[in-house]
Amino acid sequence: MQYHIVCGTKYRHPMLTGAVDVETKTILAQTCTKYGWTLKAMEVMPEHVQLFIEASPDNTPSSIASTLKLISAVHIFTSFPKLKERRFWGACLWSRGCYYGSVGAITEESVEKYIENQKSNIGGTE
């Protein structure tokens, strides 16, 4: 199964920039590898991440997103402890909800292109 997953930061704080952007990409890719999911495309925007993941049918998109959010939050807050002090209430990096879309009604190439062009489309229209 192939899923397009979008997760936003809590309160949409634009904090996934610079070194945090790089570390977020690294930990998400490592987590996908560890769990046997294929990360086909990823883009980290200042206030959300877009992922295109292929996983076996026994992995639900919500369990994939929950695992990625949990592991990445612990890793990011450990690597950048000042983020927790300044921006976030409680122990959350990510907002509760996520967008999940299964890939099938549109082509795999369309999803990959959409995710890869996120940063170049800021402020523009598609």
C-alpha atoms as a PDB file:
ATOM      1  CA  MET A   1       0.000   0.000   0.000  1.00  0.00           C
ATOM      2  CA  GLN A   2       1.137   3.520  -0.717  1.00  0.00           C
ATOM      3  CA  TYR A   3       0.168   6.461   1.471  1.00  0.00           C
ATOM      4  CA  HIS A   4       0.492  10.224   1.263  1.00  0.00           C
ATOM      5  CA  ILE A   5       0.764  11.420   4.879  1.00  0.00           C
ATOM      6  CA  VAL A   6       0.871  15.045   6.050  1.00  0.00           C
ATOM      7  CA  CYS A   7       1.612  15.916   9.695  1.00  0.00           C
ATOM      8  CA  GLY A   8       1.605  19.452  11.081  1.00  0.00           C
ATOM      9  CA  THR A   9       3.472  20.863  14.036  1.00  0.00           C
ATOM     10  CA  LYS A  10       1.468  21.731  17.128  1.00  0.00           C
ATOM     11  CA  TYR A  11      -0.269  25.079  16.681  1.00  0.00           C
ATOM     12  CA  ARG A  12       1.367  25.182  13.214  1.00  0.00           C
ATOM     13  CA  HIS A  13       4.540  26.715  14.671  1.00  0.00           C
ATOM     14  CA  PRO A  14       6.998  27.192  11.781  1.00  0.00           C
ATOM     15  CA  MET A  15       9.946  25.555  13.526  1.00  0.00           C
ATOM     16  CA  LEU A  16      11.055  22.853  11.070  1.00  0.00           C
ATOM     17  CA  THR A  17      13.796  24.993   9.525  1.00  0.00           C
ATOM     18  CA  GLY A  18      17.587  24.928   9.328  1.00  0.00           C
ATOM     19  CA  ALA A  19      19.186  22.208  11.419  1.00  0.00           C
ATOM     20  CA  VAL A  20      15.766  21.047  12.671  1.00  0.00           C
ATOM     21  CA  ASP A  21      14.680  20.471   9.045  1.00  0.00           C
ATOM     22  CA  VAL A  22      17.776  18.365   8.364  1.00  0.00           C
ATOM     23  CA  GLU A  23      17.414  16.365  11.587  1.00  0.00           C
ATOM     24  CA  THR A  24      13.695  15.793  10.952  1.00  0.00           C
ATOM     25  CA  LYS A  25      14.435  14.346   7.509  1.00  0.00           C
ATOM     26  CA  THR A  26      17.152  12.128   8.961  1.00  0.00           C
ATOM     27  CA  ILE A  27      15.073  10.689  11.806  1.00  0.00           C
ATOM     28  CA  LEU A  28      11.997  10.129   9.619  1.00  0.00           C
ATOM     29  CA  ALA A  29      14.072   8.297   6.993  1.00  0.00           C
ATOM     30  CA  GLN A  30      15.811   6.189   9.662  1.00  0.00           C
ATOM     31  CA  THR A  31      12.487   5.285  11.267  1.00  0.00           C
ATOM     32  CA  CYS A  32      10.996   4.217   7.924  1.00  0.00           C
ATOM     33  CA  THR A  33      14.019   2.003   7.286  1.00  0.00           C
ATOM     34  CA  LYS A  34      13.848   0.504  10.777  1.00  0.00           C
ATOM     35  CA  TYR A  35      10.171  -0.433  10.369  1.00  0.00           C
ATOM     36  CA  GLY A  36      10.531  -1.714   6.811  1.00  0.00           C
ATOM     37  CA  TRP A  37       8.592   1.098   5.139  1.00  0.00           C
ATOM     38  CA  THR A  38       9.794   2.532   1.837  1.00  0.00           C
ATOM     39  CA  LEU A  39      10.060   6.322   1.922  1.00  0.00           C
ATOM     40  CA  LYS A  40       9.397   7.267  -1.690  1.00  0.00           C
ATOM     41  CA  ALA A  41       9.330  11.059  -1.218  1.00  0.00           C
ATOM     42  CA  MET A  42       9.531  13.521   1.658  1.00  0.00           C
ATOM     43  CA  GLU A  43       9.500  17.282   2.112  1.00  0.00           C
ATOM     44  CA  VAL A  44       9.818  19.159   5.362  1.00  0.00           C
ATOM     45  CA  MET A  45       8.108  22.540   5.371  1.00  0.00           C
ATOM     46  CA  PRO A  46       8.412  25.006   8.281  1.00  0.00           C
ATOM     47  CA  GLU A  47       5.103  23.872   9.844  1.00  0.00           C
ATOM     48  CA  HIS A  48       4.422  20.418   8.388  1.00  0.00           C
ATOM     49  CA  VAL A  49       5.928  17.366   6.724  1.00  0.00           C
ATOM     50  CA  GLN A  50       4.716  15.570   3.611  1.00  0.00           C
ATOM     51  CA  LEU A  51       5.565  11.901   3.235  1.00  0.00           C
ATOM     52  CA  PHE A  52       4.943   9.349   0.524  1.00  0.00           C
ATOM     53  CA  ILE A  53       5.379   5.916   2.077  1.00  0.00           C
ATOM     54  CA  GLU A  54       4.945   2.382   0.835  1.00  0.00           C
ATOM     55  CA  ALA A  55       4.158  -0.206   3.510  1.00  0.00           C
ATOM     56  CA  SER A  56       2.641  -3.638   3.809  1.00  0.00           C
ATOM     57  CA  PRO A  57      -1.164  -3.788   4.122  1.00  0.00           C
ATOM     58  CA  ASP A  58      -0.946  -4.745   7.807  1.00  0.00           C
ATOM     59  CA  ASN A  59       0.437  -1.251   8.588  1.00  0.00           C
ATOM     60  CA  THR A  60      -2.354   1.303   8.812  1.00  0.00           C
ATOM     61  CA  PRO A  61      -1.585   4.895   7.859  1.00  0.00           C
ATOM     62  CA  SER A  62      -2.517   6.037  11.368  1.00  0.00           C
ATOM     63  CA  SER A  63      -0.068   3.589  12.984  1.00  0.00           C
ATOM     64  CA  ILE A  64       2.678   4.683  10.570  1.00  0.00           C
ATOM     65  CA  ALA A  65       2.054   8.361  11.335  1.00  0.00           C
ATOM     66  CA  SER A  66       1.839   7.742  15.102  1.00  0.00           C
ATOM     67  CA  THR A  67       5.142   5.878  15.094  1.00  0.00           C
ATOM     68  CA  LEU A  68       6.884   8.537  13.015  1.00  0.00           C
ATOM     69  CA  LYS A  69       5.512  11.374  15.126  1.00  0.00           C
ATOM     70  CA  LEU A  70       6.425   9.757  18.447  1.00  0.00           C
ATOM     71  CA  ILE A  71       9.972   8.789  17.515  1.00  0.00           C
ATOM     72  CA  SER A  72      10.711  12.073  15.753  1.00  0.00           C
ATOM     73  CA  ALA A  73       9.336  14.201  18.609  1.00  0.00           C
ATOM     74  CA  VAL A  74      11.531  12.472  21.190  1.00  0.00           C
ATOM     75  CA  HIS A  75      14.555  12.756  18.906  1.00  0.00           C
ATOM     76  CA  ILE A  76      13.985  16.423  17.982  1.00  0.00           C
ATOM     77  CA  PHE A  77      13.343  17.528  21.567  1.00  0.00           C
ATOM     78  CA  THR A  78      16.455  15.651  22.717  1.00  0.00           C
ATOM     79  CA  SER A  79      18.559  17.198  19.951  1.00  0.00           C
ATOM     80  CA  PHE A  80      17.079  20.699  20.299  1.00  0.00           C
ATOM     81  CA  PRO A  81      15.911  21.117  23.937  1.00  0.00           C
ATOM     82  CA  LYS A  82      15.374  24.877  23.560  1.00  0.00           C
ATOM     83  CA  LEU A  83      12.498  24.217  21.152  1.00  0.00           C
ATOM     84  CA  LYS A  84      10.483  22.632  23.937  1.00  0.00           C
ATOM     85  CA  GLU A  85      11.153  25.553  26.270  1.00  0.00           C
ATOM     86  CA  ARG A  86      10.135  28.264  23.826  1.00  0.00           C
ATOM     87  CA  ARG A  87       7.433  26.969  21.558  1.00  0.00           C
ATOM     88  CA  PHE A  88       5.473  24.038  22.773  1.00  0.00           C
ATOM     89  CA  TRP A  89       3.058  23.298  25.571  1.00  0.00           C
ATOM     90  CA  GLY A  90       3.161  19.840  27.104  1.00  0.00           C
ATOM     91  CA  ALA A  91       5.265  17.189  25.440  1.00  0.00           C
ATOM     92  CA  CYS A  92       3.926  17.547  21.902  1.00  0.00           C
ATOM     93  CA  LEU A  93       5.816  18.472  18.760  1.00  0.00           C
ATOM     94  CA  TRP A  94       3.073  17.399  16.359  1.00  0.00           C
ATOM     95  CA  SER A  95      -0.612  18.258  16.214  1.00  0.00           C
ATOM     96  CA  ARG A  96      -3.060  15.438  16.916  1.00  0.00           C
ATOM     97  CA  GLY A  97      -4.379  14.969  13.432  1.00  0.00           C
ATOM     98  CA  CYS A  98      -2.799  14.031  10.128  1.00  0.00           C
ATOM     99  CA  TYR A  99      -3.903  13.815   6.544  1.00  0.00           C
ATOM    100  CA  TYR A 100      -3.826  10.301   5.104  1.00  0.00           C
ATOM    101  CA  GLY A 101      -4.435   9.537   1.476  1.00  0.00           C
ATOM    102  CA  SER A 102      -3.989   6.217  -0.242  1.00  0.00           C
ATOM    103  CA  VAL A 103      -2.334   6.395  -3.614  1.00  0.00           C
ATOM    104  CA  GLY A 104      -4.313   4.717  -6.340  1.00  0.00           C
ATOM    105  CA  ALA A 105      -6.873   7.162  -7.678  1.00  0.00           C
ATOM    106  CA  ILE A 106      -3.964   9.347  -8.807  1.00  0.00           C
ATOM    107  CA  THR A 107      -0.613   8.231 -10.077  1.00  0.00           C
ATOM    108  CA  GLU A 108       2.426   7.574  -7.943  1.00  0.00           C
ATOM    109  CA  GLU A 109       4.342  10.092 -10.058  1.00  0.00           C
ATOM    110  CA  SER A 110       1.761  12.804  -9.295  1.00  0.00           C
ATOM    111  CA  VAL A 111       2.180  12.369  -5.545  1.00  0.00           C
ATOM    112  CA  GLU A 112       5.991  12.327  -5.770  1.00  0.00           C
ATOM    113  CA  LYS A 113       6.005  15.480  -7.925  1.00  0.00           C
ATOM    114  CA  TYR A 114       3.581  17.255  -5.586  1.00  0.00           C
ATOM    115  CA  ILE A 115       5.721  16.510  -2.510  1.00  0.00           C
ATOM    116  CA  GLU A 116       9.031  17.323  -4.211  1.00  0.00           C
ATOM    117  CA  ASN A 117       7.742  20.705  -5.405  1.00  0.00           C
ATOM    118  CA  GLN A 118       6.327  21.896  -2.077  1.00  0.00           C
ATOM    119  CA  LYS A 119       9.039  24.430  -1.285  1.00  0.00           C
ATOM    120  CA  SER A 120       9.077  25.878  -4.796  1.00  0.00           C
ATOM    121  CA  ASN A 121       5.279  26.364  -4.681  1.00  0.00           C
ATOM    122  CA  ILE A 122       5.218  28.578  -1.583  1.00  0.00           C
ATOM    123  CA  GLY A 123       3.057  31.562  -2.325  1.00  0.00           C
ATOM    124  CA  GLY A 124       2.242  30.306  -5.811  1.00  0.00           C
ATOM    125  CA  THR A 125      -0.619  28.428  -7.320  1.00  0.00           C
ATOM    126  CA  GLU A 126      -0.570  25.021  -8.898  1.00  0.00           C
END
